[in-house]
N, C-alpha and C. Protein backbone atom coordinates (compact mmCIF):
# COMPACT_ATOMS: atom_id res chain seq x y z
N MET A 1 -16.41 -124.83 -295.02
CA MET A 1 -16.89 -125.27 -293.74
C MET A 1 -17.14 -124.02 -292.88
N THR A 2 -18.29 -124.04 -292.14
CA THR A 2 -18.60 -122.87 -291.22
C THR A 2 -19.04 -123.41 -289.88
N ARG A 3 -19.07 -122.56 -288.96
CA ARG A 3 -19.66 -122.85 -287.64
C ARG A 3 -20.21 -121.60 -287.05
N THR A 4 -21.12 -121.70 -286.17
CA THR A 4 -21.75 -120.56 -285.55
C THR A 4 -20.96 -120.13 -284.30
N GLU A 5 -20.66 -118.91 -284.22
CA GLU A 5 -20.00 -118.28 -283.11
C GLU A 5 -20.82 -117.12 -282.61
N ARG A 6 -20.67 -116.89 -281.24
CA ARG A 6 -21.37 -115.77 -280.61
C ARG A 6 -20.37 -114.67 -280.29
N PHE A 7 -20.78 -113.42 -280.61
CA PHE A 7 -19.95 -112.20 -280.33
C PHE A 7 -20.76 -111.21 -279.62
N THR A 8 -20.18 -110.50 -278.66
CA THR A 8 -20.82 -109.43 -278.00
C THR A 8 -20.71 -108.22 -278.94
N VAL A 9 -21.88 -107.57 -279.13
CA VAL A 9 -21.88 -106.39 -280.01
C VAL A 9 -22.43 -105.20 -279.15
N VAL A 10 -21.76 -104.05 -279.26
CA VAL A 10 -22.22 -102.87 -278.52
C VAL A 10 -22.80 -101.90 -279.58
N PHE A 11 -24.13 -101.55 -279.32
CA PHE A 11 -24.81 -100.60 -280.20
C PHE A 11 -24.92 -99.32 -279.42
N GLU A 12 -24.46 -98.20 -280.14
CA GLU A 12 -24.63 -96.90 -279.60
C GLU A 12 -25.33 -95.97 -280.54
N LYS A 13 -26.20 -95.09 -280.01
CA LYS A 13 -26.87 -94.17 -280.85
C LYS A 13 -25.84 -93.15 -281.31
N ALA A 14 -25.85 -92.88 -282.64
CA ALA A 14 -24.94 -91.90 -283.21
C ALA A 14 -25.49 -90.49 -283.06
N ASP A 15 -24.67 -89.53 -282.95
CA ASP A 15 -25.07 -88.12 -282.69
C ASP A 15 -25.87 -87.69 -283.98
N GLU A 16 -25.43 -88.06 -285.15
CA GLU A 16 -26.13 -87.69 -286.35
C GLU A 16 -27.31 -88.47 -286.72
N GLY A 17 -27.66 -89.47 -285.86
CA GLY A 17 -28.77 -90.36 -286.13
C GLY A 17 -28.36 -91.74 -286.41
N GLY A 18 -29.14 -92.68 -286.29
CA GLY A 18 -28.88 -94.15 -286.50
C GLY A 18 -28.02 -94.70 -285.37
N TYR A 19 -27.43 -95.85 -285.63
CA TYR A 19 -26.64 -96.54 -284.66
C TYR A 19 -25.26 -96.99 -285.13
N ILE A 20 -24.33 -96.95 -284.25
CA ILE A 20 -22.96 -97.46 -284.52
C ILE A 20 -22.90 -98.80 -283.76
N ALA A 21 -22.33 -99.84 -284.48
CA ALA A 21 -22.20 -101.13 -283.85
C ALA A 21 -20.67 -101.52 -283.92
N ARG A 22 -20.22 -101.97 -282.70
CA ARG A 22 -18.80 -102.40 -282.60
C ARG A 22 -18.70 -103.72 -281.92
N VAL A 23 -17.69 -104.46 -282.28
CA VAL A 23 -17.51 -105.82 -281.72
C VAL A 23 -16.18 -105.84 -280.93
N PRO A 24 -16.25 -105.75 -279.60
CA PRO A 24 -15.00 -105.61 -278.78
C PRO A 24 -14.01 -106.71 -279.07
N ALA A 25 -14.42 -107.96 -279.31
CA ALA A 25 -13.46 -109.01 -279.50
C ALA A 25 -12.73 -108.91 -280.80
N LEU A 26 -13.18 -108.08 -281.77
CA LEU A 26 -12.60 -108.03 -283.05
C LEU A 26 -12.17 -106.51 -283.30
N PRO A 27 -10.96 -106.19 -282.90
CA PRO A 27 -10.48 -104.84 -283.03
C PRO A 27 -10.75 -104.19 -284.42
N GLY A 28 -11.36 -103.04 -284.38
CA GLY A 28 -11.60 -102.37 -285.62
C GLY A 28 -12.88 -102.75 -286.33
N CYS A 29 -13.54 -103.83 -285.84
CA CYS A 29 -14.73 -104.33 -286.50
C CYS A 29 -15.96 -103.39 -286.02
N MET A 30 -16.40 -102.50 -286.89
CA MET A 30 -17.47 -101.71 -286.56
C MET A 30 -18.24 -101.26 -287.80
N THR A 31 -19.46 -100.88 -287.63
CA THR A 31 -20.26 -100.41 -288.78
C THR A 31 -21.44 -99.56 -288.21
N GLN A 32 -22.28 -99.26 -289.10
CA GLN A 32 -23.41 -98.40 -288.66
C GLN A 32 -24.65 -98.75 -289.48
N GLY A 33 -25.75 -98.27 -289.03
CA GLY A 33 -27.00 -98.38 -289.70
C GLY A 33 -28.03 -97.30 -289.31
N GLU A 34 -28.97 -97.03 -290.15
CA GLU A 34 -29.97 -95.97 -289.90
C GLU A 34 -30.91 -96.44 -288.79
N THR A 35 -31.14 -97.76 -288.69
CA THR A 35 -32.01 -98.25 -287.67
C THR A 35 -31.23 -99.29 -286.94
N LEU A 36 -31.74 -99.84 -285.77
CA LEU A 36 -31.08 -100.83 -284.96
C LEU A 36 -31.07 -102.16 -285.82
N GLU A 37 -32.13 -102.37 -286.51
CA GLU A 37 -32.21 -103.64 -287.36
C GLU A 37 -31.15 -103.53 -288.47
N GLU A 38 -31.01 -102.42 -289.07
CA GLU A 38 -29.99 -102.28 -290.17
C GLU A 38 -28.57 -102.36 -289.58
N ALA A 39 -28.34 -101.77 -288.39
CA ALA A 39 -27.09 -101.86 -287.84
C ALA A 39 -26.71 -103.34 -287.46
N GLU A 40 -27.72 -104.11 -286.92
CA GLU A 40 -27.50 -105.49 -286.66
C GLU A 40 -27.17 -106.30 -287.90
N ALA A 41 -27.83 -106.06 -289.00
CA ALA A 41 -27.56 -106.75 -290.21
C ALA A 41 -26.18 -106.37 -290.74
N MET A 42 -25.83 -105.15 -290.69
CA MET A 42 -24.54 -104.69 -291.22
C MET A 42 -23.37 -105.23 -290.26
N VAL A 43 -23.59 -105.42 -288.98
CA VAL A 43 -22.48 -105.88 -288.14
C VAL A 43 -22.37 -107.37 -288.28
N LYS A 44 -23.47 -108.11 -288.57
CA LYS A 44 -23.31 -109.49 -288.87
C LYS A 44 -22.45 -109.73 -290.14
N ASP A 45 -22.60 -108.89 -291.20
CA ASP A 45 -21.83 -108.94 -292.36
C ASP A 45 -20.38 -108.57 -291.99
N ALA A 46 -20.24 -107.55 -291.20
CA ALA A 46 -18.80 -107.15 -290.92
C ALA A 46 -18.15 -108.25 -290.12
N ILE A 47 -18.74 -108.96 -289.22
CA ILE A 47 -18.17 -110.04 -288.43
C ILE A 47 -17.82 -111.14 -289.43
N HIS A 48 -18.68 -111.50 -290.32
CA HIS A 48 -18.40 -112.58 -291.23
C HIS A 48 -17.21 -112.19 -292.14
N SER A 49 -17.10 -111.01 -292.61
CA SER A 49 -15.99 -110.60 -293.38
C SER A 49 -14.67 -110.57 -292.61
N TYR A 50 -14.72 -110.10 -291.38
CA TYR A 50 -13.55 -110.11 -290.50
C TYR A 50 -13.02 -111.51 -290.23
N CYS A 51 -13.95 -112.39 -289.97
CA CYS A 51 -13.60 -113.80 -289.68
C CYS A 51 -13.02 -114.49 -290.89
N ALA A 52 -13.57 -114.17 -292.10
CA ALA A 52 -13.08 -114.74 -293.38
C ALA A 52 -11.67 -114.21 -293.62
N SER A 53 -11.35 -112.95 -293.27
CA SER A 53 -10.06 -112.50 -293.48
C SER A 53 -9.10 -113.17 -292.52
N LEU A 54 -9.50 -113.39 -291.23
CA LEU A 54 -8.68 -114.15 -290.32
C LEU A 54 -8.32 -115.50 -290.90
N LYS A 55 -9.30 -116.17 -291.39
CA LYS A 55 -9.10 -117.55 -291.89
C LYS A 55 -8.21 -117.53 -293.15
N LYS A 56 -8.37 -116.60 -294.01
CA LYS A 56 -7.49 -116.42 -295.23
C LYS A 56 -6.07 -116.26 -294.77
N ASN A 57 -5.84 -115.49 -293.72
CA ASN A 57 -4.51 -115.16 -293.25
C ASN A 57 -4.00 -116.07 -292.23
N ARG A 58 -4.74 -117.28 -292.03
CA ARG A 58 -4.40 -118.30 -291.07
C ARG A 58 -4.19 -117.74 -289.65
N GLU A 59 -4.99 -116.84 -289.27
CA GLU A 59 -4.96 -116.28 -287.94
C GLU A 59 -6.08 -116.92 -287.07
N ALA A 60 -5.90 -117.00 -285.82
CA ALA A 60 -6.84 -117.62 -284.92
C ALA A 60 -8.02 -116.63 -284.70
N LEU A 61 -9.21 -117.26 -284.53
CA LEU A 61 -10.44 -116.42 -284.22
C LEU A 61 -10.40 -116.11 -282.75
N PRO A 62 -10.38 -114.79 -282.38
CA PRO A 62 -10.37 -114.41 -281.01
C PRO A 62 -11.61 -114.86 -280.21
N ARG A 63 -11.43 -115.08 -279.02
CA ARG A 63 -12.52 -115.46 -278.13
C ARG A 63 -13.31 -114.21 -277.80
N ASP A 64 -14.65 -114.35 -277.70
CA ASP A 64 -15.50 -113.26 -277.37
C ASP A 64 -15.09 -112.61 -275.98
N ILE A 65 -15.27 -111.26 -275.93
CA ILE A 65 -14.98 -110.58 -274.66
C ILE A 65 -16.41 -110.40 -274.04
N GLU A 66 -16.51 -110.90 -272.85
CA GLU A 66 -17.87 -110.75 -272.13
C GLU A 66 -17.83 -109.41 -271.46
N GLU A 67 -18.63 -108.49 -271.88
CA GLU A 67 -18.80 -107.15 -271.31
C GLU A 67 -20.05 -107.07 -270.48
N VAL A 68 -20.09 -106.27 -269.46
CA VAL A 68 -21.33 -106.04 -268.72
C VAL A 68 -21.51 -104.51 -268.96
N VAL A 69 -22.65 -104.19 -269.55
CA VAL A 69 -23.02 -102.85 -269.80
C VAL A 69 -24.24 -102.51 -268.94
N GLU A 70 -24.05 -101.51 -268.09
CA GLU A 70 -25.08 -101.14 -267.12
C GLU A 70 -25.12 -99.59 -267.12
N SER A 71 -26.29 -99.10 -266.95
CA SER A 71 -26.56 -97.69 -266.68
C SER A 71 -26.58 -97.34 -265.23
N ILE A 72 -25.75 -96.43 -264.78
CA ILE A 72 -25.73 -96.12 -263.35
C ILE A 72 -26.02 -94.59 -263.19
N SER A 73 -26.45 -94.26 -262.00
CA SER A 73 -26.67 -92.82 -261.68
C SER A 73 -25.63 -92.38 -260.71
N VAL A 74 -25.04 -91.30 -260.96
CA VAL A 74 -23.93 -90.73 -260.14
C VAL A 74 -24.22 -89.22 -259.95
N ARG A 75 -24.10 -88.71 -258.69
CA ARG A 75 -24.30 -87.32 -258.43
C ARG A 75 -22.96 -86.66 -258.81
N VAL A 76 -23.09 -85.57 -259.61
CA VAL A 76 -21.89 -84.81 -260.07
C VAL A 76 -22.14 -83.38 -259.78
N PRO A 77 -21.04 -82.61 -259.55
CA PRO A 77 -21.18 -81.16 -259.33
C PRO A 77 -21.57 -80.45 -260.63
N VAL A 78 -22.42 -79.49 -260.57
CA VAL A 78 -22.87 -78.73 -261.73
C VAL A 78 -22.59 -77.25 -261.47
């Protein structure tokens, strides 16, 4: 039996190229991909595996953490 859950995923550009994807609600659940599309596919698989492990160990599925990500400008001394 399965159900659809929503999780916040944070995608960051990696210094060496590609993207790193992490899931704040699932500690340690992260992956990467060469493109944003690949990182998204990889993180979906990582979330599925993480949740399957929780079920196998009879642990509760954590609730999603709602994050607000915003870019702001701040004057800093140089």
